[in-house]
Amino acid sequence: MRMTIPKTAPALVAMFLAAALGGCGGGAVPLTFDLAALPATGRAGTSARAFSVAEPVGIQPFEADRIIVREPGGALSFLGGGQWADRLPRLIQTRLIQSLENSGRLKSVSRPGDKIVSEFQLISEIRAFDIAAGTGEAVVDISAKIVAEGTGKVVAARIFTARVPVPKVDAGSAAVGLDAALARVLAEMVAWVNSGR
């Protein structure tokens, strides 16, 4: 069941947990899905650069913990029966930090406000993180900028996009497809950050 997103709504799969809806009589119990970080590579650190990774920004529907479907006409709706383990921006931020740490190529990776000195900040925007109902694909589209902390100068900028076919538009298939698409995007982003560009 898909639910249309109201205008006032607040802004894959490695494992899933059953989430109970306490106090909601008769409601279906949604599954809670997680996103995976890239695995550790075992490489020794080769860069003296330190990064902080900001929480991605996005339009209001991507600010929530719901799985989104994009209809052929462009309308967005929530996909019933599933949700993410956290707000999507925070979940992507966490998996990106973990993926950069697991690459073993940077001196440090932190969040802004961690009181850790960093030379660069990675800022990003979620442009798409949804199921394209018309084509039957999981689509992840994230724009990213590397900004020098001292000057605010944009050192590099790039858009990362991945599309993965999904067999059907349901919560489980959507979560698996979006996790796979994010894995491709994370791999490209980590290689880009580590390249020094």
Protein backbone atom coordinates (compact mmCIF):
# COMPACT_ATOMS: atom_id res chain seq x y z
CA MET A 1 0.00 0.00 0.00
CA ARG A 2 1.33 3.44 -0.94
CA MET A 3 0.42 6.52 1.03
CA THR A 4 0.51 9.95 -0.55
CA ILE A 5 2.89 12.33 1.18
CA PRO A 6 1.02 15.30 2.69
CA LYS A 7 2.57 18.70 2.02
CA THR A 8 3.16 19.12 5.74
CA ALA A 9 4.98 15.78 6.21
CA PRO A 10 8.36 15.95 7.94
CA ALA A 11 10.82 16.40 5.70
CA LEU A 12 20.13 -1.78 1.77
CA VAL A 13 19.68 -4.30 3.05
CA ALA A 14 22.24 -5.80 5.34
CA MET A 15 19.60 -6.83 7.85
CA PHE A 16 16.07 -5.95 8.86
CA LEU A 17 14.26 -5.83 12.16
CA ALA A 18 10.57 -6.12 12.94
CA ALA A 19 9.33 -2.82 14.36
CA ALA A 20 6.24 -2.77 16.53
CA LEU A 21 3.76 0.08 16.34
CA GLY A 22 2.92 0.59 19.98
CA GLY A 23 -0.50 2.06 20.62
CA CYS A 24 -1.60 1.93 16.97
CA GLY A 25 -4.49 -0.48 17.05
CA GLY A 26 -4.88 -2.64 13.96
CA GLY A 27 -2.01 -1.06 12.02
CA ALA A 28 0.30 -3.24 9.93
CA VAL A 29 3.71 -3.78 11.45
CA PRO A 30 6.34 -2.24 9.11
CA LEU A 31 9.75 -3.77 8.63
CA THR A 32 12.73 -1.61 9.52
CA PHE A 33 15.55 -1.72 6.98
CA ASP A 34 19.19 -0.71 7.35
CA LEU A 35 21.75 0.49 4.80
CA ALA A 36 25.24 -0.99 4.66
CA ALA A 37 28.62 0.73 4.75
CA LEU A 38 31.41 -0.44 2.46
CA PRO A 39 33.55 -3.15 4.07
CA ALA A 40 37.05 -2.46 5.39
CA THR A 41 39.80 -2.74 2.76
CA GLY A 42 42.70 -3.39 5.13
CA ARG A 43 44.82 -0.65 3.52
CA ALA A 44 47.15 1.40 5.67
CA GLY A 45 46.56 5.16 5.85
CA THR A 46 48.23 6.97 2.97
CA SER A 47 46.83 10.49 3.38
CA ALA A 48 47.34 13.18 5.99
CA ARG A 49 43.97 14.71 5.17
CA ALA A 50 41.24 14.92 7.79
CA PHE A 51 37.58 15.20 6.81
CA SER A 52 34.35 16.06 8.52
CA VAL A 53 31.20 14.74 6.87
CA ALA A 54 28.08 16.89 7.16
CA GLU A 55 24.61 15.37 7.26
CA PRO A 56 23.20 15.46 3.73
CA VAL A 57 20.37 17.86 2.97
CA GLY A 58 17.37 17.08 0.79
CA ILE A 59 13.78 17.97 0.04
CA GLN A 60 11.25 17.36 2.79
CA PRO A 61 10.25 13.76 1.96
CA PHE A 62 13.90 12.61 2.16
CA GLU A 63 14.21 14.08 5.67
CA ALA A 64 12.07 11.26 7.10
CA ASP A 65 12.63 7.53 7.65
CA ARG A 66 10.17 6.45 4.94
CA ILE A 67 10.83 4.64 1.66
CA ILE A 68 9.82 6.84 -1.27
CA VAL A 69 8.26 5.93 -4.63
CA ARG A 70 8.44 8.35 -7.55
CA GLU A 71 5.53 7.96 -9.97
CA PRO A 72 6.00 8.51 -13.75
CA GLY A 73 4.36 11.94 -13.47
CA GLY A 74 6.84 12.98 -10.76
CA ALA A 75 4.55 12.61 -7.74
CA LEU A 76 6.19 11.20 -4.61
CA SER A 77 4.52 8.78 -2.23
CA PHE A 78 5.49 6.78 0.84
CA LEU A 79 5.78 3.02 0.34
CA GLY A 80 3.85 1.18 3.04
CA GLY A 81 5.21 -1.81 4.95
CA GLY A 82 8.75 -0.55 5.48
CA GLN A 83 10.89 2.21 6.95
CA TRP A 84 14.57 3.00 7.42
CA ALA A 85 16.37 2.41 10.69
CA ASP A 86 16.88 6.18 11.14
CA ARG A 87 16.16 9.44 9.35
CA LEU A 88 17.57 8.94 5.85
CA PRO A 89 20.10 11.84 5.93
CA ARG A 90 21.57 10.69 9.25
CA LEU A 91 21.70 7.09 8.07
CA ILE A 92 23.51 8.03 4.86
CA GLN A 93 25.91 10.28 6.80
CA THR A 94 26.76 7.43 9.19
CA ARG A 95 27.35 4.90 6.39
CA LEU A 96 29.47 7.40 4.44
CA ILE A 97 31.64 8.10 7.50
CA GLN A 98 32.02 4.37 8.14
CA SER A 99 32.88 3.72 4.48
CA LEU A 100 35.56 6.43 4.49
CA GLU A 101 36.97 5.08 7.75
CA ASN A 102 36.93 1.53 6.40
CA SER A 103 38.95 2.63 3.35
CA GLY A 104 41.90 3.31 5.70
CA ARG A 105 43.12 6.17 3.53
CA LEU A 106 42.38 9.26 5.64
CA LYS A 107 43.92 10.59 8.83
CA SER A 108 40.50 11.06 10.43
CA VAL A 109 36.81 11.19 9.57
CA SER A 110 34.36 12.95 11.88
CA ARG A 111 31.07 14.81 12.09
CA PRO A 112 30.92 18.61 12.33
CA GLY A 113 30.74 19.48 16.00
CA ASP A 114 32.87 16.48 17.10
CA LYS A 115 35.59 18.95 18.18
CA ILE A 116 38.04 17.21 15.85
CA VAL A 117 40.15 19.47 13.65
CA SER A 118 39.63 18.76 9.96
CA GLU A 119 41.08 20.33 6.84
CA PHE A 120 38.08 19.59 4.62
CA GLN A 121 34.35 19.15 4.94
CA LEU A 122 32.29 16.89 2.70
CA ILE A 123 28.84 18.36 2.15
CA SER A 124 26.15 16.65 0.09
CA GLU A 125 22.56 16.80 -1.10
CA ILE A 126 20.18 13.88 -1.63
CA ARG A 127 18.73 14.56 -5.08
CA ALA A 128 17.01 11.18 -5.35
CA PHE A 129 16.71 8.16 -3.07
CA ASP A 130 13.61 6.42 -4.29
CA ILE A 131 11.99 3.78 -6.45
CA ALA A 132 11.16 4.99 -9.96
CA ALA A 133 7.83 3.23 -10.48
CA GLY A 134 7.82 3.88 -14.22
CA THR A 135 11.12 2.09 -14.89
CA GLY A 136 11.18 -0.30 -11.93
CA GLU A 137 14.53 0.97 -10.66
CA ALA A 138 16.03 1.98 -7.35
CA VAL A 139 17.60 5.39 -7.94
CA VAL A 140 20.23 7.06 -5.75
CA ASP A 141 21.47 10.49 -6.83
CA ILE A 142 23.74 12.47 -4.49
CA SER A 143 25.65 15.67 -5.24
CA ALA A 144 28.79 16.29 -3.18
CA LYS A 145 31.28 19.07 -2.61
CA ILE A 146 34.64 19.07 -0.84
CA VAL A 147 35.07 22.38 0.95
CA ALA A 148 38.29 23.70 2.53
CA GLU A 149 37.53 24.34 6.21
CA GLY A 150 39.69 27.44 6.56
CA THR A 151 38.52 29.36 3.49
CA GLY A 152 35.15 27.82 2.56
CA LYS A 153 36.47 27.35 -0.97
CA VAL A 154 34.93 24.50 -2.97
CA VAL A 155 37.89 22.27 -3.84
CA ALA A 156 35.90 19.76 -5.90
CA ALA A 157 32.30 18.93 -6.76
CA ARG A 158 30.64 15.94 -8.38
CA ILE A 159 27.27 14.19 -8.81
CA PHE A 160 27.04 10.47 -8.08
CA THR A 161 24.18 8.41 -9.53
CA ALA A 162 23.30 4.73 -9.56
CA ARG A 163 20.26 2.80 -10.81
CA VAL A 164 19.45 -0.79 -9.86
CA PRO A 165 16.49 -2.75 -11.25
CA VAL A 166 13.93 -3.97 -8.70
CA PRO A 167 11.66 -6.96 -9.40
CA LYS A 168 8.59 -5.33 -7.84
CA VAL A 169 7.59 -2.24 -5.92
CA ASP A 170 7.32 -3.47 -2.35
CA ALA A 171 9.22 -2.59 0.81
CA GLY A 172 11.65 -5.52 0.75
CA SER A 173 12.57 -5.20 -2.94
CA ALA A 174 12.84 -1.42 -2.62
CA ALA A 175 15.17 -1.64 0.38
CA VAL A 176 17.44 -4.21 -1.29
CA GLY A 177 17.59 -2.18 -4.49
CA LEU A 178 18.28 1.12 -2.77
CA ASP A 179 20.98 -0.47 -0.61
CA ALA A 180 22.68 -1.84 -3.74
CA ALA A 181 22.44 1.52 -5.50
CA LEU A 182 23.85 3.32 -2.46
CA ALA A 183 26.76 0.85 -2.32
CA ARG A 184 27.74 1.87 -5.86
CA VAL A 185 27.48 5.56 -4.98
CA LEU A 186 29.47 5.11 -1.76
CA ALA A 187 32.24 3.27 -3.64
CA GLU A 188 32.53 6.12 -6.14
CA MET A 189 32.41 8.81 -3.43
CA VAL A 190 35.07 7.11 -1.31
CA ALA A 191 37.39 6.69 -4.32
CA TRP A 192 36.79 10.35 -5.26
CA VAL A 193 37.55 11.66 -1.74
CA ASN A 194 40.64 9.46 -1.46
CA SER A 195 41.93 10.56 -4.89
CA GLY A 196 42.72 14.00 -3.45
CA ARG A 197 40.63 15.81 -6.09
